[in-house]
N, C-alpha and C. Protein backbone atom coordinates (compact mmCIF):
# COMPACT_ATOMS: atom_id res chain seq x y z
N MET A 1 -5.73 16.83 -6.42
CA MET A 1 -6.15 15.58 -6.17
C MET A 1 -5.19 14.93 -5.07
N LYS A 2 -5.79 14.34 -4.14
CA LYS A 2 -4.87 13.66 -2.94
C LYS A 2 -5.41 12.42 -2.84
N ILE A 3 -4.51 11.65 -2.30
CA ILE A 3 -4.92 10.30 -1.79
C ILE A 3 -5.62 10.30 -0.45
N THR A 4 -6.76 9.77 -0.34
CA THR A 4 -7.49 10.05 1.00
C THR A 4 -7.52 8.80 1.82
N ALA A 5 -7.44 7.60 1.33
CA ALA A 5 -7.58 6.40 2.16
C ALA A 5 -6.77 5.25 1.27
N ILE A 6 -6.31 4.32 2.22
CA ILE A 6 -5.64 3.20 1.65
C ILE A 6 -6.30 1.95 2.50
N LYS A 7 -7.02 0.85 1.88
CA LYS A 7 -7.62 -0.02 2.48
C LYS A 7 -7.22 -1.39 1.96
N THR A 8 -7.02 -2.44 2.83
CA THR A 8 -6.66 -3.63 2.36
C THR A 8 -7.78 -4.84 2.68
N PHE A 9 -7.83 -5.77 1.67
CA PHE A 9 -8.83 -6.89 1.72
C PHE A 9 -8.16 -7.96 1.56
N ILE A 10 -8.18 -8.97 2.50
CA ILE A 10 -7.53 -10.32 2.29
C ILE A 10 -8.69 -11.28 1.84
N VAL A 11 -8.18 -11.90 0.65
CA VAL A 11 -9.16 -12.84 -0.11
C VAL A 11 -8.58 -14.12 -0.19
N ASP A 12 -9.31 -15.24 0.04
CA ASP A 12 -8.82 -16.62 -0.18
C ASP A 12 -8.74 -16.86 -1.75
N GLY A 13 -7.67 -17.12 -2.20
CA GLY A 13 -7.45 -17.28 -3.54
C GLY A 13 -7.44 -18.85 -3.96
N GLY A 14 -7.92 -19.76 -3.01
CA GLY A 14 -7.81 -21.14 -3.18
C GLY A 14 -6.50 -21.74 -2.87
N PHE A 15 -5.50 -21.51 -3.74
CA PHE A 15 -4.23 -22.10 -3.55
C PHE A 15 -3.39 -21.07 -2.72
N ARG A 16 -3.72 -19.90 -2.43
CA ARG A 16 -2.84 -19.03 -1.67
C ARG A 16 -3.79 -17.69 -1.49
N PRO A 17 -3.53 -17.12 -0.27
CA PRO A 17 -4.39 -15.92 -0.05
C PRO A 17 -3.75 -14.73 -0.67
N TRP A 18 -4.62 -13.80 -0.94
CA TRP A 18 -4.22 -12.42 -1.71
C TRP A 18 -4.57 -11.35 -0.75
N THR A 19 -3.72 -10.31 -1.03
CA THR A 19 -4.02 -9.10 -0.24
C THR A 19 -4.23 -8.14 -1.27
N PHE A 20 -5.43 -7.52 -1.28
CA PHE A 20 -5.90 -6.52 -2.44
C PHE A 20 -5.85 -5.10 -1.73
N VAL A 21 -5.35 -3.99 -2.37
CA VAL A 21 -5.10 -2.84 -1.81
C VAL A 21 -5.83 -1.86 -2.63
N LYS A 22 -6.93 -1.15 -1.95
CA LYS A 22 -7.64 -0.17 -2.60
C LYS A 22 -7.12 1.30 -2.04
N ILE A 23 -6.87 2.18 -3.26
CA ILE A 23 -6.47 3.60 -2.79
C ILE A 23 -7.55 4.41 -3.49
N GLU A 24 -8.02 5.23 -2.40
CA GLU A 24 -9.02 6.09 -2.69
C GLU A 24 -8.43 7.63 -2.85
N THR A 25 -9.14 8.33 -3.67
CA THR A 25 -8.62 9.82 -3.94
C THR A 25 -9.82 10.93 -3.58
N SER A 26 -9.23 12.04 -3.55
CA SER A 26 -10.41 13.22 -3.32
C SER A 26 -11.23 13.39 -4.55
N GLU A 27 -10.77 12.84 -5.72
CA GLU A 27 -11.63 13.01 -6.92
C GLU A 27 -12.67 12.01 -6.90
N PRO A 28 -13.78 12.48 -6.98
CA PRO A 28 -15.05 11.47 -6.74
C PRO A 28 -14.98 10.41 -7.93
N GLY A 29 -15.19 9.22 -7.38
CA GLY A 29 -15.15 7.99 -8.15
C GLY A 29 -13.78 7.50 -8.85
N LEU A 30 -12.61 8.12 -8.46
CA LEU A 30 -11.40 7.79 -8.96
C LEU A 30 -10.75 6.92 -7.78
N ILE A 31 -10.50 5.67 -8.01
CA ILE A 31 -9.76 4.93 -7.17
C ILE A 31 -8.72 4.00 -7.95
N GLY A 32 -7.87 3.42 -7.14
CA GLY A 32 -6.88 2.59 -7.71
C GLY A 32 -6.95 1.21 -6.95
N TRP A 33 -6.57 0.06 -7.74
CA TRP A 33 -6.43 -1.24 -7.09
C TRP A 33 -5.07 -1.81 -7.23
N GLY A 34 -4.59 -2.47 -6.38
CA GLY A 34 -3.45 -3.25 -6.50
C GLY A 34 -3.34 -4.55 -5.67
N ASP A 35 -2.40 -5.46 -5.90
CA ASP A 35 -2.41 -6.75 -5.04
C ASP A 35 -1.14 -6.98 -4.66
N CYS A 36 -1.00 -7.90 -3.48
CA CYS A 36 0.32 -8.33 -3.12
C CYS A 36 0.07 -9.54 -2.31
N THR A 37 1.33 -10.43 -2.11
CA THR A 37 1.01 -11.70 -1.50
C THR A 37 2.57 -12.00 -0.96
N ASP A 38 2.46 -12.73 0.01
CA ASP A 38 3.96 -13.36 0.20
C ASP A 38 3.71 -14.97 0.23
N TRP A 39 2.62 -15.36 -0.27
CA TRP A 39 2.47 -16.76 -0.48
C TRP A 39 2.24 -17.52 0.70
N GLY A 40 1.47 -16.95 1.64
CA GLY A 40 1.05 -17.64 2.79
C GLY A 40 0.56 -17.05 4.06
N SER A 41 0.99 -15.76 4.29
CA SER A 41 0.77 -15.02 5.48
C SER A 41 0.10 -13.76 5.19
N PRO A 42 -1.15 -13.70 4.79
CA PRO A 42 -1.64 -12.21 4.40
C PRO A 42 -1.66 -11.16 5.51
N GLY A 43 -1.85 -11.58 6.70
CA GLY A 43 -1.92 -10.50 7.92
C GLY A 43 -0.82 -9.65 7.88
N PRO A 44 0.35 -10.19 7.99
CA PRO A 44 1.58 -9.29 8.03
C PRO A 44 1.68 -8.34 6.74
N VAL A 45 1.28 -8.96 5.50
CA VAL A 45 1.45 -8.27 4.41
C VAL A 45 0.34 -7.14 4.48
N ALA A 46 -0.90 -7.21 4.90
CA ALA A 46 -1.90 -6.02 5.14
C ALA A 46 -1.40 -5.16 6.00
N ALA A 47 -0.71 -5.63 7.16
CA ALA A 47 -0.32 -4.72 8.21
C ALA A 47 0.75 -3.82 7.77
N THR A 48 1.62 -4.32 6.85
CA THR A 48 2.80 -3.55 6.33
C THR A 48 2.17 -2.39 5.51
N VAL A 49 1.24 -2.80 4.55
CA VAL A 49 0.44 -1.74 3.79
C VAL A 49 -0.08 -0.82 4.70
N GLU A 50 -0.88 -1.06 5.54
CA GLU A 50 -1.57 -0.23 6.38
C GLU A 50 -0.49 0.81 7.38
N ARG A 51 0.69 0.14 7.69
CA ARG A 51 1.60 0.85 8.46
C ARG A 51 2.29 1.94 7.59
N TYR A 52 2.58 1.71 6.22
CA TYR A 52 3.15 2.70 5.37
C TYR A 52 2.20 3.61 4.75
N ALA A 53 0.88 3.46 4.99
CA ALA A 53 -0.11 4.32 4.48
C ALA A 53 0.08 5.78 4.79
N GLU A 54 0.53 5.99 6.16
CA GLU A 54 0.78 7.42 6.54
C GLU A 54 1.71 8.35 5.74
N TRP A 55 2.63 7.55 5.00
CA TRP A 55 3.54 8.19 3.96
C TRP A 55 2.97 8.56 2.84
N VAL A 56 1.69 7.95 2.47
CA VAL A 56 1.01 8.15 1.18
C VAL A 56 -0.21 8.93 1.24
N ILE A 57 -1.03 8.90 2.47
CA ILE A 57 -2.33 9.64 2.57
C ILE A 57 -1.85 11.13 2.50
N GLY A 58 -2.65 11.90 1.68
CA GLY A 58 -2.45 13.24 1.66
C GLY A 58 -1.66 13.79 0.47
N ARG A 59 -1.03 12.69 -0.25
CA ARG A 59 -0.11 13.03 -1.42
C ARG A 59 -0.93 13.04 -2.73
N ASP A 60 -0.24 13.59 -3.65
CA ASP A 60 -0.75 13.56 -4.91
C ASP A 60 -0.37 12.19 -5.61
N PRO A 61 -1.44 11.44 -6.17
CA PRO A 61 -1.26 9.90 -6.61
C PRO A 61 -0.45 10.06 -7.89
N MET A 62 -0.37 11.14 -8.59
CA MET A 62 0.39 11.27 -9.74
C MET A 62 1.93 11.39 -9.56
N GLN A 63 2.29 11.52 -8.25
CA GLN A 63 3.70 11.71 -8.03
C GLN A 63 4.30 10.24 -7.59
N VAL A 64 4.08 9.28 -8.52
CA VAL A 64 4.46 7.89 -8.24
C VAL A 64 5.97 7.67 -7.79
N GLU A 65 6.84 8.29 -8.48
CA GLU A 65 8.19 8.23 -8.25
C GLU A 65 8.73 8.64 -6.87
N SER A 66 8.16 9.86 -6.59
CA SER A 66 8.39 10.52 -5.24
C SER A 66 7.93 9.66 -4.13
N ILE A 67 6.67 9.20 -4.31
CA ILE A 67 6.11 8.34 -3.34
C ILE A 67 6.94 7.12 -3.17
N TRP A 68 7.21 6.53 -4.26
CA TRP A 68 8.14 5.01 -4.32
C TRP A 68 9.51 5.38 -3.45
N TRP A 69 10.16 6.41 -3.85
CA TRP A 69 11.38 6.73 -3.24
C TRP A 69 11.23 6.98 -1.72
N ASP A 70 10.10 7.61 -1.27
CA ASP A 70 9.84 7.79 0.11
C ASP A 70 9.61 6.51 0.87
N LEU A 71 8.77 5.70 0.21
CA LEU A 71 8.51 4.42 0.88
C LEU A 71 9.71 3.52 0.93
N ALA A 72 10.45 3.44 -0.15
CA ALA A 72 11.86 2.70 -0.20
C ALA A 72 12.74 3.33 0.97
N THR A 73 12.98 4.45 1.28
CA THR A 73 13.67 5.13 2.34
C THR A 73 13.15 4.80 3.64
N ALA A 74 11.81 4.76 3.77
CA ALA A 74 11.31 4.59 5.05
C ALA A 74 11.24 3.11 5.58
N SER A 75 11.45 2.23 4.53
CA SER A 75 11.47 0.67 4.82
C SER A 75 12.65 0.15 4.69
N ALA A 76 13.75 1.11 4.47
CA ALA A 76 15.09 0.48 4.32
C ALA A 76 15.62 0.11 5.69
N ARG A 77 16.39 -0.95 5.68
CA ARG A 77 16.89 -1.43 6.91
C ARG A 77 18.24 -0.81 7.16
N HIS A 78 18.62 -0.26 8.25
CA HIS A 78 19.99 0.32 8.66
C HIS A 78 20.51 -0.51 9.76
N THR A 79 21.85 -0.80 9.46
CA THR A 79 22.60 -1.52 10.19
C THR A 79 23.57 -0.67 11.22
N GLY A 80 23.42 0.49 11.19
CA GLY A 80 24.28 1.35 11.95
C GLY A 80 25.64 1.76 11.15
N GLY A 81 26.52 2.38 11.85
CA GLY A 81 27.72 2.51 11.42
C GLY A 81 28.09 4.01 10.89
């Protein structure tokens, strides 16, 4: 089983916008949902999710820790030195 797509959906939550994330897999009918917000600017949140999708698509969704560490490393800020 592999992750085949990551899609974002911006939804007006009334008091704040939400960004929902849909993760599709190669297993028919098996999907995952998540949500995220920064309390006001859903566009950059969705863009960030979509930007990092390249590190996730094609991977086994059961390898959560490995994917998490790869995303943490990819998004770490380096100050040089």
